[in-house]
C-alpha cells in the first residue's frame, strides 16, 4: 500500500522548501506554491546556481491578510505586505512561456538584496501557479531516494528535489513506470506525465544552501537523461529523478493519505 510520506511547497521560489501536513491541490498545483518569484539584476528569474543563496530563508504567507513573514537563519523575523502593485509586466519565464507579474509593496527588494549581497527583485505572479517551472506537481518515491542515498554513500535529504509529494513505496523508481497513469491521492486525481531532468539546485543543502553533494553526477552514472515534456527547452537534457504530474481533479491531500494507482495505459 502506497501512502503520502511528505508534502512540500514554497511560497517564494528559491527560498526554504517547506514541509506541510495538509495542502489543497488546485489545477495549477498546491495552493500558494511558488506564488512569488525572485528576479536577478537583469530582471530574469534567479538562475539555478544562485538558488543556494536563498535556501536558508523561510517565508510564510497569509493570503487573507496578504502578509509575508520572512524568518532568517538566526531566528530573526521580518513581516510586510505581499500584495502586488496594480501595474503588471510580462516576464519571460526561462524561455518556456511568458507570465504576468506584479511588483511587491514594501521594501522586500532592499531586504533581500542586503542579505545576499546582489540585486534581488521580488514579484508576484498574477495567475496562481505562474511561478511553477513546468507542470503543477512533482513527485517521487521513498525507495528511489533510498537507492540514491546508497549510491552516494550518505543520506540524501528529500527536500533537495523540492518535490510536492514524496510517496512511501518499496520499489525504486516505480514512478518511471507510471507515465500516463492516474494517481488518486486524498481527494485529488493526478496524471503522471514524464521524468524530471535535474539541475545543480539538487546539490544545495536545503538548510544552508551550500553546494555540498554531487547529486547530478551520481544520477548520471545510473539514470537515463530526459527532456522536459511538451517540447519545452528542447536542448535541456539531464539525468532524471522524480516525475511530473498534471492535475485532473483538485482536492485536499494530507500526509498519510493512501495513493491509488489507476488507469494504466495499454
C-alpha atoms as a PDB file:
ATOM      1  CA  UNK A   1       0.000   0.000   0.000  1.00  0.00           C
ATOM      2  CA  UNK A   2       1.370   3.399  -1.020  1.00  0.00           C
ATOM      3  CA  UNK A   3       0.957   6.424   1.210  1.00  0.00           C
ATOM      4  CA  UNK A   4       1.940  10.083   1.200  1.00  0.00           C
ATOM      5  CA  UNK A   5       5.051  10.403   3.330  1.00  0.00           C
ATOM      6  CA  UNK A   6       5.559  14.128   2.879  1.00  0.00           C
ATOM      7  CA  UNK A   7       4.071  17.200   1.200  1.00  0.00           C
ATOM      8  CA  UNK A   8       6.234  20.145   0.210  1.00  0.00           C
ATOM      9  CA  UNK A   9       5.950  23.634  -1.248  1.00  0.00           C
ATOM     10  CA  UNK A  10       7.407  27.118  -1.005  1.00  0.00           C
ATOM     11  CA  UNK A  11       5.613  30.445  -1.262  1.00  0.00           C
ATOM     12  CA  UNK A  12       8.702  32.188  -2.661  1.00  0.00           C
ATOM     13  CA  UNK A  13      10.592  30.351  -5.363  1.00  0.00           C
ATOM     14  CA  UNK A  14      14.278  29.658  -4.484  1.00  0.00           C
ATOM     15  CA  UNK A  15      13.699  30.022  -0.718  1.00  0.00           C
ATOM     16  CA  UNK A  16      13.415  27.381   2.034  1.00  0.00           C
ATOM     17  CA  UNK A  17      11.316  24.402   0.959  1.00  0.00           C
ATOM     18  CA  UNK A  18       8.518  23.846   3.472  1.00  0.00           C
ATOM     19  CA  UNK A  19       7.046  20.577   4.698  1.00  0.00           C
ATOM     20  CA  UNK A  20       3.293  20.756   5.382  1.00  0.00           C
ATOM     21  CA  UNK A  21       0.778  18.302   6.812  1.00  0.00           C
ATOM     22  CA  UNK A  22      -2.107  19.266   4.543  1.00  0.00           C
ATOM     23  CA  UNK A  23      -2.366  21.011   1.192  1.00  0.00           C
ATOM     24  CA  UNK A  24      -5.054  21.867  -1.278  1.00  0.00           C
ATOM     25  CA  UNK A  25      -4.059  20.800  -4.771  1.00  0.00           C
ATOM     26  CA  UNK A  26      -5.661  23.014  -7.402  1.00  0.00           C
ATOM     27  CA  UNK A  27      -5.465  22.612 -11.162  1.00  0.00           C
ATOM     28  CA  UNK A  28      -2.361  24.830 -11.091  1.00  0.00           C
ATOM     29  CA  UNK A  29      -0.702  22.884  -8.245  1.00  0.00           C
ATOM     30  CA  UNK A  30      -0.538  23.234  -4.472  1.00  0.00           C
ATOM     31  CA  UNK A  31      -2.312  26.397  -3.407  1.00  0.00           C
ATOM     32  CA  UNK A  32       0.301  29.137  -2.868  1.00  0.00           C
ATOM     33  CA  UNK A  33       3.230  27.164  -4.242  1.00  0.00           C
ATOM     34  CA  UNK A  34       5.842  29.390  -5.965  1.00  0.00           C
ATOM     35  CA  UNK A  35       3.420  32.319  -5.968  1.00  0.00           C
ATOM     36  CA  UNK A  36       6.316  34.764  -5.552  1.00  0.00           C
ATOM     37  CA  UNK A  37       9.362  34.829  -7.823  1.00  0.00           C
ATOM     38  CA  UNK A  38      12.822  36.301  -7.281  1.00  0.00           C
ATOM     39  CA  UNK A  39      14.461  38.109 -10.183  1.00  0.00           C
ATOM     40  CA  UNK A  40      18.145  38.889 -10.712  1.00  0.00           C
ATOM     41  CA  UNK A  41      19.785  42.177 -11.752  1.00  0.00           C
ATOM     42  CA  UNK A  42      18.740  41.538 -15.359  1.00  0.00           C
ATOM     43  CA  UNK A  43      15.067  41.130 -14.468  1.00  0.00           C
ATOM     44  CA  UNK A  44      15.159  37.382 -15.193  1.00  0.00           C
ATOM     45  CA  UNK A  45      14.171  34.563 -12.816  1.00  0.00           C
ATOM     46  CA  UNK A  46      17.031  33.843 -10.425  1.00  0.00           C
ATOM     47  CA  UNK A  47      19.359  31.307 -12.144  1.00  0.00           C
ATOM     48  CA  UNK A  48      19.830  27.859 -10.540  1.00  0.00           C
ATOM     49  CA  UNK A  49      23.442  28.490  -9.484  1.00  0.00           C
ATOM     50  CA  UNK A  50      22.217  31.345  -7.233  1.00  0.00           C
ATOM     51  CA  UNK A  51      19.360  29.428  -5.565  1.00  0.00           C
ATOM     52  CA  UNK A  52      21.609  28.311  -2.733  1.00  0.00           C
ATOM     53  CA  UNK A  53      21.828  31.917  -1.521  1.00  0.00           C
ATOM     54  CA  UNK A  54      18.140  31.861  -0.655  1.00  0.00           C
ATOM     55  CA  UNK A  55      17.682  28.326   0.730  1.00  0.00           C
ATOM     56  CA  UNK A  56      18.209  29.456   4.356  1.00  0.00           C
ATOM     57  CA  UNK A  57      15.358  31.997   4.081  1.00  0.00           C
ATOM     58  CA  UNK A  58      11.928  30.718   5.205  1.00  0.00           C
ATOM     59  CA  UNK A  59       8.845  32.625   4.020  1.00  0.00           C
ATOM     60  CA  UNK A  60       5.274  32.169   5.174  1.00  0.00           C
ATOM     61  CA  UNK A  61       2.286  33.887   3.589  1.00  0.00           C
ATOM     62  CA  UNK A  62      -1.226  34.616   4.836  1.00  0.00           C
ATOM     63  CA  UNK A  63      -3.452  35.035   1.775  1.00  0.00           C
ATOM     64  CA  UNK A  64      -6.270  36.541   3.848  1.00  0.00           C
ATOM     65  CA  UNK A  65      -4.212  39.497   5.018  1.00  0.00           C
ATOM     66  CA  UNK A  66      -1.701  39.329   2.136  1.00  0.00           C
ATOM     67  CA  UNK A  67       1.143  39.411   4.684  1.00  0.00           C
ATOM     68  CA  UNK A  68       4.540  37.825   4.124  1.00  0.00           C
ATOM     69  CA  UNK A  69       6.785  36.803   7.010  1.00  0.00           C
ATOM     70  CA  UNK A  70      10.466  36.069   6.466  1.00  0.00           C
ATOM     71  CA  UNK A  71      12.459  34.099   9.045  1.00  0.00           C
ATOM     72  CA  UNK A  72      16.236  34.385   8.830  1.00  0.00           C
ATOM     73  CA  UNK A  73      18.601  31.556   9.852  1.00  0.00           C
ATOM     74  CA  UNK A  74      19.308  33.287  13.175  1.00  0.00           C
ATOM     75  CA  UNK A  75      15.589  33.313  14.026  1.00  0.00           C
ATOM     76  CA  UNK A  76      15.030  36.998  13.319  1.00  0.00           C
ATOM     77  CA  UNK A  77      11.753  37.712  11.513  1.00  0.00           C
ATOM     78  CA  UNK A  78      10.553  40.469   9.214  1.00  0.00           C
ATOM     79  CA  UNK A  79       6.925  40.965   8.247  1.00  0.00           C
ATOM     80  CA  UNK A  80       5.476  43.025   5.427  1.00  0.00           C
ATOM     81  CA  UNK A  81       2.976  43.237   2.648  1.00  0.00           C
ATOM     82  CA  UNK A  82       2.785  40.553  -0.001  1.00  0.00           C
ATOM     83  CA  UNK A  83       0.267  42.482  -2.047  1.00  0.00           C
ATOM     84  CA  UNK A  84       1.212  43.263  -5.583  1.00  0.00           C
ATOM     85  CA  UNK A  85       1.080  46.664  -7.223  1.00  0.00           C
ATOM     86  CA  UNK A  86      -1.661  47.474  -9.702  1.00  0.00           C
ATOM     87  CA  UNK A  87       0.739  47.578 -12.643  1.00  0.00           C
ATOM     88  CA  UNK A  88       1.631  44.308 -14.348  1.00  0.00           C
ATOM     89  CA  UNK A  89       4.525  43.357 -16.568  1.00  0.00           C
ATOM     90  CA  UNK A  90       5.260  40.442 -18.868  1.00  0.00           C
ATOM     91  CA  UNK A  91       8.083  38.182 -17.711  1.00  0.00           C
ATOM     92  CA  UNK A  92       9.956  35.772 -19.959  1.00  0.00           C
ATOM     93  CA  UNK A  93       9.916  32.658 -17.782  1.00  0.00           C
ATOM     94  CA  UNK A  94      13.176  30.913 -18.723  1.00  0.00           C
ATOM     95  CA  UNK A  95      12.222  30.789 -22.364  1.00  0.00           C
ATOM     96  CA  UNK A  96       9.361  28.378 -21.668  1.00  0.00           C
ATOM     97  CA  UNK A  97       6.471  30.838 -21.585  1.00  0.00           C
ATOM     98  CA  UNK A  98       5.513  34.412 -20.739  1.00  0.00           C
ATOM     99  CA  UNK A  99       3.770  35.148 -17.448  1.00  0.00           C
ATOM    100  CA  UNK A 100       2.346  38.352 -15.993  1.00  0.00           C
ATOM    101  CA  UNK A 101       3.732  39.529 -12.664  1.00  0.00           C
ATOM    102  CA  UNK A 102       3.404  42.460 -10.267  1.00  0.00           C
ATOM    103  CA  UNK A 103       5.992  44.160  -8.084  1.00  0.00           C
ATOM    104  CA  UNK A 104       5.505  43.710  -4.331  1.00  0.00           C
ATOM    105  CA  UNK A 105       4.710  46.524  -1.936  1.00  0.00           C
ATOM    106  CA  UNK A 106       7.210  47.419   0.762  1.00  0.00           C
ATOM    107  CA  UNK A 107      10.985  47.051   0.971  1.00  0.00           C
ATOM    108  CA  UNK A 108      11.428  43.335   0.259  1.00  0.00           C
ATOM    109  CA  UNK A 109      13.843  44.060  -2.587  1.00  0.00           C
ATOM    110  CA  UNK A 110      16.129  46.002  -0.259  1.00  0.00           C
ATOM    111  CA  UNK A 111      15.949  43.367   2.493  1.00  0.00           C
ATOM    112  CA  UNK A 112      16.810  40.509   0.151  1.00  0.00           C
ATOM    113  CA  UNK A 113      19.482  42.455  -1.716  1.00  0.00           C
ATOM    114  CA  UNK A 114      21.247  43.370   1.510  1.00  0.00           C
ATOM    115  CA  UNK A 115      21.074  39.798   2.780  1.00  0.00           C
ATOM    116  CA  UNK A 116      22.577  38.047  -0.263  1.00  0.00           C
ATOM    117  CA  UNK A 117      24.840  40.862  -1.463  1.00  0.00           C
ATOM    118  CA  UNK A 118      23.460  41.049  -5.002  1.00  0.00           C
ATOM    119  CA  UNK A 119      20.432  42.774  -6.606  1.00  0.00           C
ATOM    120  CA  UNK A 120      17.149  40.973  -5.977  1.00  0.00           C
ATOM    121  CA  UNK A 121      13.646  41.917  -7.051  1.00  0.00           C
ATOM    122  CA  UNK A 122      10.589  40.091  -5.754  1.00  0.00           C
ATOM    123  CA  UNK A 123       7.462  39.856  -7.909  1.00  0.00           C
ATOM    124  CA  UNK A 124       4.145  38.058  -7.554  1.00  0.00           C
ATOM    125  CA  UNK A 125       2.542  36.046 -10.320  1.00  0.00           C
ATOM    126  CA  UNK A 126      -0.807  37.433 -11.452  1.00  0.00           C
ATOM    127  CA  UNK A 127      -2.026  33.927 -12.218  1.00  0.00           C
ATOM    128  CA  UNK A 128      -1.917  31.304  -9.482  1.00  0.00           C
ATOM    129  CA  UNK A 129       0.790  28.755 -10.208  1.00  0.00           C
ATOM    130  CA  UNK A 130       2.650  31.038 -12.590  1.00  0.00           C
ATOM    131  CA  UNK A 131       5.931  30.516 -10.782  1.00  0.00           C
ATOM    132  CA  UNK A 132       5.896  26.731 -11.083  1.00  0.00           C
ATOM    133  CA  UNK A 133       8.584  25.654 -13.533  1.00  0.00           C
ATOM    134  CA  UNK A 134       6.899  23.099 -15.773  1.00  0.00           C
ATOM    135  CA  UNK A 135       3.901  21.024 -14.631  1.00  0.00           C
ATOM    136  CA  UNK A 136       1.867  21.626 -11.450  1.00  0.00           C
ATOM    137  CA  UNK A 137       3.110  18.676  -9.352  1.00  0.00           C
ATOM    138  CA  UNK A 138       6.355  16.757  -8.944  1.00  0.00           C
ATOM    139  CA  UNK A 139       6.626  13.502  -7.001  1.00  0.00           C
ATOM    140  CA  UNK A 140       8.962  10.618  -6.233  1.00  0.00           C
ATOM    141  CA  UNK A 141       9.102   7.525  -4.038  1.00  0.00           C
ATOM    142  CA  UNK A 142      10.999   6.791  -0.838  1.00  0.00           C
ATOM    143  CA  UNK A 143      12.659   3.765  -2.472  1.00  0.00           C
ATOM    144  CA  UNK A 144      14.125   5.962  -5.212  1.00  0.00           C
ATOM    145  CA  UNK A 145      15.623   8.255  -2.596  1.00  0.00           C
ATOM    146  CA  UNK A 146      16.989   5.255  -0.705  1.00  0.00           C
ATOM    147  CA  UNK A 147      18.821   3.945  -3.776  1.00  0.00           C
ATOM    148  CA  UNK A 148      20.324   7.363  -4.488  1.00  0.00           C
ATOM    149  CA  UNK A 149      21.488   7.588  -0.864  1.00  0.00           C
ATOM    150  CA  UNK A 150      23.154   4.206  -1.226  1.00  0.00           C
ATOM    151  CA  UNK A 151      24.912   5.306  -4.434  1.00  0.00           C
ATOM    152  CA  UNK A 152      26.225   8.439  -2.730  1.00  0.00           C
ATOM    153  CA  UNK A 153      27.119   6.641   0.488  1.00  0.00           C
ATOM    154  CA  UNK A 154      25.180   9.104   2.639  1.00  0.00           C
ATOM    155  CA  UNK A 155      21.596  10.062   3.400  1.00  0.00           C
ATOM    156  CA  UNK A 156      20.049  12.421   0.842  1.00  0.00           C
ATOM    157  CA  UNK A 157      17.515  14.919   2.170  1.00  0.00           C
ATOM    158  CA  UNK A 158      14.294  14.659   0.158  1.00  0.00           C
ATOM    159  CA  UNK A 159      13.990  18.442   0.159  1.00  0.00           C
ATOM    160  CA  UNK A 160      16.916  18.705  -2.259  1.00  0.00           C
ATOM    161  CA  UNK A 161      14.451  17.760  -5.012  1.00  0.00           C
ATOM    162  CA  UNK A 162      11.799  20.279  -3.942  1.00  0.00           C
ATOM    163  CA  UNK A 163       9.028  17.839  -4.876  1.00  0.00           C
ATOM    164  CA  UNK A 164       5.434  18.381  -3.831  1.00  0.00           C
ATOM    165  CA  UNK A 165       4.798  14.754  -2.923  1.00  0.00           C
ATOM    166  CA  UNK A 166       7.042  12.034  -1.516  1.00  0.00           C
ATOM    167  CA  UNK A 167       5.293   8.668  -1.735  1.00  0.00           C
ATOM    168  CA  UNK A 168       6.151   5.777   0.550  1.00  0.00           C
ATOM    169  CA  UNK A 169       6.847   2.852  -1.804  1.00  0.00           C
ATOM    170  CA  UNK A 170       9.286  -0.068  -1.662  1.00  0.00           C
ATOM    171  CA  UNK A 171      10.102  -0.314  -5.396  1.00  0.00           C
ATOM    172  CA  UNK A 172      12.891   2.009  -6.569  1.00  0.00           C
ATOM    173  CA  UNK A 173      11.900   4.281  -9.445  1.00  0.00           C
ATOM    174  CA  UNK A 174       8.409   2.856  -9.650  1.00  0.00           C
ATOM    175  CA  UNK A 175       7.384   6.351 -10.745  1.00  0.00           C
ATOM    176  CA  UNK A 176       9.200   5.760 -14.045  1.00  0.00           C
ATOM    177  CA  UNK A 177       6.542   3.206 -14.977  1.00  0.00           C
ATOM    178  CA  UNK A 178       3.642   5.466 -14.050  1.00  0.00           C
ATOM    179  CA  UNK A 179       3.833   7.675 -17.125  1.00  0.00           C
ATOM    180  CA  UNK A 180       0.295   8.081 -18.437  1.00  0.00           C
ATOM    181  CA  UNK A 181      -1.215   6.580 -15.274  1.00  0.00           C
ATOM    182  CA  UNK A 182      -3.517   8.345 -12.857  1.00  0.00           C
ATOM    183  CA  UNK A 183      -2.973   8.573  -9.121  1.00  0.00           C
ATOM    184  CA  UNK A 184      -5.793   9.098  -6.631  1.00  0.00           C
ATOM    185  CA  UNK A 185      -4.244  10.876  -3.656  1.00  0.00           C
ATOM    186  CA  UNK A 186      -6.677  12.048  -0.997  1.00  0.00           C
ATOM    187  CA  UNK A 187      -9.371  13.969  -2.856  1.00  0.00           C
ATOM    188  CA  UNK A 188      -7.107  14.851  -5.781  1.00  0.00           C
ATOM    189  CA  UNK A 189      -6.584  12.967  -9.035  1.00  0.00           C
ATOM    190  CA  UNK A 190      -3.279  13.335 -10.887  1.00  0.00           C
ATOM    191  CA  UNK A 191      -1.919  12.053 -14.178  1.00  0.00           C
ATOM    192  CA  UNK A 192       1.799  11.288 -14.290  1.00  0.00           C
ATOM    193  CA  UNK A 193       3.460  12.741 -17.367  1.00  0.00           C
ATOM    194  CA  UNK A 194       7.244  12.284 -17.526  1.00  0.00           C
ATOM    195  CA  UNK A 195      10.530  12.216 -15.664  1.00  0.00           C
ATOM    196  CA  UNK A 196      12.118  15.361 -14.220  1.00  0.00           C
ATOM    197  CA  UNK A 197      15.567  16.355 -15.565  1.00  0.00           C
ATOM    198  CA  UNK A 198      17.628  17.528 -12.593  1.00  0.00           C
ATOM    199  CA  UNK A 199      19.919  20.531 -12.190  1.00  0.00           C
ATOM    200  CA  UNK A 200      22.502  21.929  -9.778  1.00  0.00           C
ATOM    201  CA  UNK A 201      19.812  23.018  -7.290  1.00  0.00           C
ATOM    202  CA  UNK A 202      19.628  19.401  -6.070  1.00  0.00           C
ATOM    203  CA  UNK A 203      23.250  19.690  -4.931  1.00  0.00           C
ATOM    204  CA  UNK A 204      22.487  22.510  -2.478  1.00  0.00           C
ATOM    205  CA  UNK A 205      21.915  21.725   1.183  1.00  0.00           C
ATOM    206  CA  UNK A 206      18.236  22.602   1.822  1.00  0.00           C
ATOM    207  CA  UNK A 207      19.115  24.287   5.126  1.00  0.00           C
ATOM    208  CA  UNK A 208      22.325  26.179   4.333  1.00  0.00           C
ATOM    209  CA  UNK A 209      22.254  26.398   0.534  1.00  0.00           C
ATOM    210  CA  UNK A 210      25.839  25.122   0.339  1.00  0.00           C
ATOM    211  CA  UNK A 211      26.682  23.123  -2.799  1.00  0.00           C
ATOM    212  CA  UNK A 212      27.897  20.090  -0.857  1.00  0.00           C
ATOM    213  CA  UNK A 213      26.736  16.932  -2.638  1.00  0.00           C
ATOM    214  CA  UNK A 214      27.422  15.720  -6.199  1.00  0.00           C
ATOM    215  CA  UNK A 215      23.842  14.652  -6.865  1.00  0.00           C
ATOM    216  CA  UNK A 216      23.715  15.231 -10.632  1.00  0.00           C
ATOM    217  CA  UNK A 217      26.977  13.354 -11.402  1.00  0.00           C
ATOM    218  CA  UNK A 218      25.763  10.476  -9.213  1.00  0.00           C
ATOM    219  CA  UNK A 219      22.460  10.320 -11.059  1.00  0.00           C
ATOM    220  CA  UNK A 220      24.313  10.421 -14.370  1.00  0.00           C
ATOM    221  CA  UNK A 221      26.016   7.134 -13.549  1.00  0.00           C
ATOM    222  CA  UNK A 222      22.823   5.081 -13.369  1.00  0.00           C
ATOM    223  CA  UNK A 223      19.858   7.168 -14.559  1.00  0.00           C
ATOM    224  CA  UNK A 224      18.772   7.975 -18.117  1.00  0.00           C
ATOM    225  CA  UNK A 225      18.812  11.555 -19.302  1.00  0.00           C
ATOM    226  CA  UNK A 226      15.388  13.028 -20.073  1.00  0.00           C
ATOM    227  CA  UNK A 227      13.971  16.199 -21.585  1.00  0.00           C
ATOM    228  CA  UNK A 228      11.188  18.424 -20.366  1.00  0.00           C
ATOM    229  CA  UNK A 229       7.679  17.490 -21.523  1.00  0.00           C
ATOM    230  CA  UNK A 230       5.720  19.251 -24.260  1.00  0.00           C
ATOM    231  CA  UNK A 231       8.803  20.334 -26.178  1.00  0.00           C
ATOM    232  CA  UNK A 232       9.921  22.866 -23.570  1.00  0.00           C
ATOM    233  CA  UNK A 233      13.603  23.864 -23.698  1.00  0.00           C
ATOM    234  CA  UNK A 234      14.354  21.088 -26.220  1.00  0.00           C
ATOM    235  CA  UNK A 235      18.130  21.313 -25.762  1.00  0.00           C
ATOM    236  CA  UNK A 236      17.909  20.760 -21.990  1.00  0.00           C
ATOM    237  CA  UNK A 237      18.507  17.089 -21.164  1.00  0.00           C
ATOM    238  CA  UNK A 238      19.854  15.813 -17.818  1.00  0.00           C
ATOM    239  CA  UNK A 239      19.586  12.722 -15.572  1.00  0.00           C
ATOM    240  CA  UNK A 240      16.064  12.033 -14.324  1.00  0.00           C
ATOM    241  CA  UNK A 241      14.840  11.876 -10.760  1.00  0.00           C
ATOM    242  CA  UNK A 242      11.130  12.187  -9.823  1.00  0.00           C
ATOM    243  CA  UNK A 243       8.138  12.605 -12.122  1.00  0.00           C
ATOM    244  CA  UNK A 244       5.966  15.464 -13.309  1.00  0.00           C
ATOM    245  CA  UNK A 245       2.196  15.222 -12.971  1.00  0.00           C
ATOM    246  CA  UNK A 246      -0.789  17.258 -14.078  1.00  0.00           C
ATOM    247  CA  UNK A 247      -3.952  17.731 -12.028  1.00  0.00           C
ATOM    248  CA  UNK A 248      -7.171  16.186 -13.319  1.00  0.00           C
ATOM    249  CA  UNK A 249      -9.282  16.815 -10.219  1.00  0.00           C
ATOM    250  CA  UNK A 250      -8.382  19.237  -7.408  1.00  0.00           C
ATOM    251  CA  UNK A 251      -8.705  18.279  -3.766  1.00  0.00           C
ATOM    252  CA  UNK A 252      -7.235  18.148  -0.283  1.00  0.00           C
ATOM    253  CA  UNK A 253      -4.185  15.938   0.295  1.00  0.00           C
ATOM    254  CA  UNK A 254      -2.817  15.047   3.725  1.00  0.00           C
ATOM    255  CA  UNK A 255       0.296  13.331   4.965  1.00  0.00           C
ATOM    256  CA  UNK A 256      -0.570   9.641   5.403  1.00  0.00           C
ATOM    257  CA  UNK A 257      -3.214   9.570   2.642  1.00  0.00           C
ATOM    258  CA  UNK A 258      -3.340   6.412   0.574  1.00  0.00           C
ATOM    259  CA  UNK A 259      -2.099   6.608  -3.010  1.00  0.00           C
ATOM    260  CA  UNK A 260      -4.006   4.504  -5.536  1.00  0.00           C
ATOM    261  CA  UNK A 261      -2.550   3.826  -8.970  1.00  0.00           C
ATOM    262  CA  UNK A 262      -5.243   3.527 -11.638  1.00  0.00           C
ATOM    263  CA  UNK A 263      -5.797   3.686 -15.363  1.00  0.00           C
ATOM    264  CA  UNK A 264      -2.529   2.143 -16.568  1.00  0.00           C
ATOM    265  CA  UNK A 265      -2.050   2.802 -20.307  1.00  0.00           C
ATOM    266  CA  UNK A 266      -2.032  -0.293 -22.524  1.00  0.00           C
END
